[in-house]
Protein backbone atom coordinates (compact mmCIF):
# COMPACT_ATOMS: atom_id res chain seq x y z
CA MET A 1 238.84 202.70 -11.29
CA PRO A 2 241.10 200.20 -10.50
CA ARG A 3 240.96 197.72 -7.75
CA PHE A 4 242.98 196.56 -5.00
CA ILE A 5 243.59 193.43 -2.75
CA LEU A 6 244.24 194.97 1.10
CA ARG A 7 246.03 191.98 3.23
CA PHE A 8 246.22 192.66 6.92
CA ARG A 9 249.42 190.57 8.54
CA GLY A 10 248.85 191.81 12.29
CA PRO A 11 246.86 191.28 15.55
CA GLU A 12 243.49 190.79 15.02
CA PRO A 13 241.56 193.38 17.18
CA GLN A 14 243.93 196.12 15.00
CA ALA A 15 242.28 194.79 11.61
CA ALA A 16 238.72 195.65 12.12
CA LYS A 17 239.62 198.70 13.85
CA ASP A 18 241.44 199.69 9.91
CA VAL A 19 238.62 198.21 8.38
CA GLU A 20 236.10 200.75 9.81
CA ARG A 21 238.64 203.46 9.10
CA ILE A 22 238.94 201.87 5.35
CA ARG A 23 235.64 202.09 4.76
CA ALA A 24 234.83 205.58 6.17
CA LEU A 25 237.40 207.30 3.11
CA ARG A 26 235.68 208.74 0.72
CA GLN A 27 236.34 207.64 -2.55
CA VAL A 28 237.37 204.08 -1.46
CA ARG A 29 234.83 201.04 -2.02
CA VAL A 30 234.81 197.81 -0.36
CA LEU A 31 233.63 195.40 -2.62
CA ASP A 32 234.49 192.48 -0.74
CA ASP A 33 235.20 192.02 3.08
CA SER A 34 234.03 188.23 3.08
CA SER A 35 237.65 187.53 5.42
CA PRO A 36 238.20 190.19 8.32
CA ARG A 37 241.90 189.91 7.08
CA MET A 38 241.50 190.64 3.88
CA LEU A 39 239.36 193.13 1.36
CA LEU A 40 238.93 194.07 -2.59
CA VAL A 41 238.82 197.71 -2.69
CA GLU A 42 238.15 200.44 -5.96
CA ALA A 43 240.07 203.74 -5.77
CA PRO A 44 242.39 205.73 -7.14
CA GLU A 45 245.94 204.45 -6.59
CA GLY A 46 247.10 207.11 -4.38
CA LYS A 47 244.50 207.21 -2.21
CA VAL A 48 245.50 203.56 -1.78
CA LYS A 49 249.16 204.06 -1.31
CA SER A 50 248.69 206.84 1.29
CA LEU A 51 246.36 204.68 3.09
CA MET A 52 248.18 201.76 3.40
CA ALA A 53 251.55 204.02 4.24
CA SER A 54 249.35 205.50 7.33
CA MET A 55 248.17 201.49 8.78
CA SER A 56 251.19 199.51 9.59
CA GLY A 57 250.75 195.58 8.99
CA TRP A 58 248.58 196.28 5.79
CA ILE A 59 249.85 195.34 2.13
CA MET A 60 248.44 196.58 -0.90
CA THR A 61 248.10 194.16 -4.14
CA PRO A 62 246.57 195.40 -7.38
CA GLU A 63 244.05 193.15 -8.44
CA GLN A 64 244.77 190.49 -11.29
CA MET A 65 242.78 188.65 -13.88
CA VAL A 66 243.68 185.42 -14.53
CA PRO A 67 242.19 183.85 -17.76
CA LEU A 68 241.05 180.05 -17.26
CA PRO A 69 241.21 177.70 -20.23
CA ASP A 70 237.86 176.76 -21.58
CA PRO A 71 236.90 173.19 -19.82
CA ARG A 72 234.13 172.09 -22.83
CA PRO A 73 236.23 169.55 -25.06
CA LYS A 74 236.99 170.69 -28.42
CA PRO A 75 236.24 168.39 -31.60
CA ARG A 76 238.80 166.72 -33.76
CA ARG A 77 239.40 167.95 -37.18
CA VAL A 78 239.35 165.01 -39.45
CA ARG A 79 242.08 165.24 -42.32
CA LYS A 80 240.40 164.27 -45.39
CA LYS A 81 242.74 162.46 -48.00
């Protein structure tokens, strides 16, 4: 199931009410709520889009995985003559 980042841009009391509304929905699973203004949810895209249309101040973005470079040093190749 796809994951989305929901970000709130508005007055703080409204965010708390909306978060409770998001949590109450079926098929929507809140994975991370460590920030009061940002949530990571797992849900069908259509469900999240209809939810965002009914609440003002929220922005929906699909989660993106960014590959990190390997920090370990690589051995140099020695050329044979």
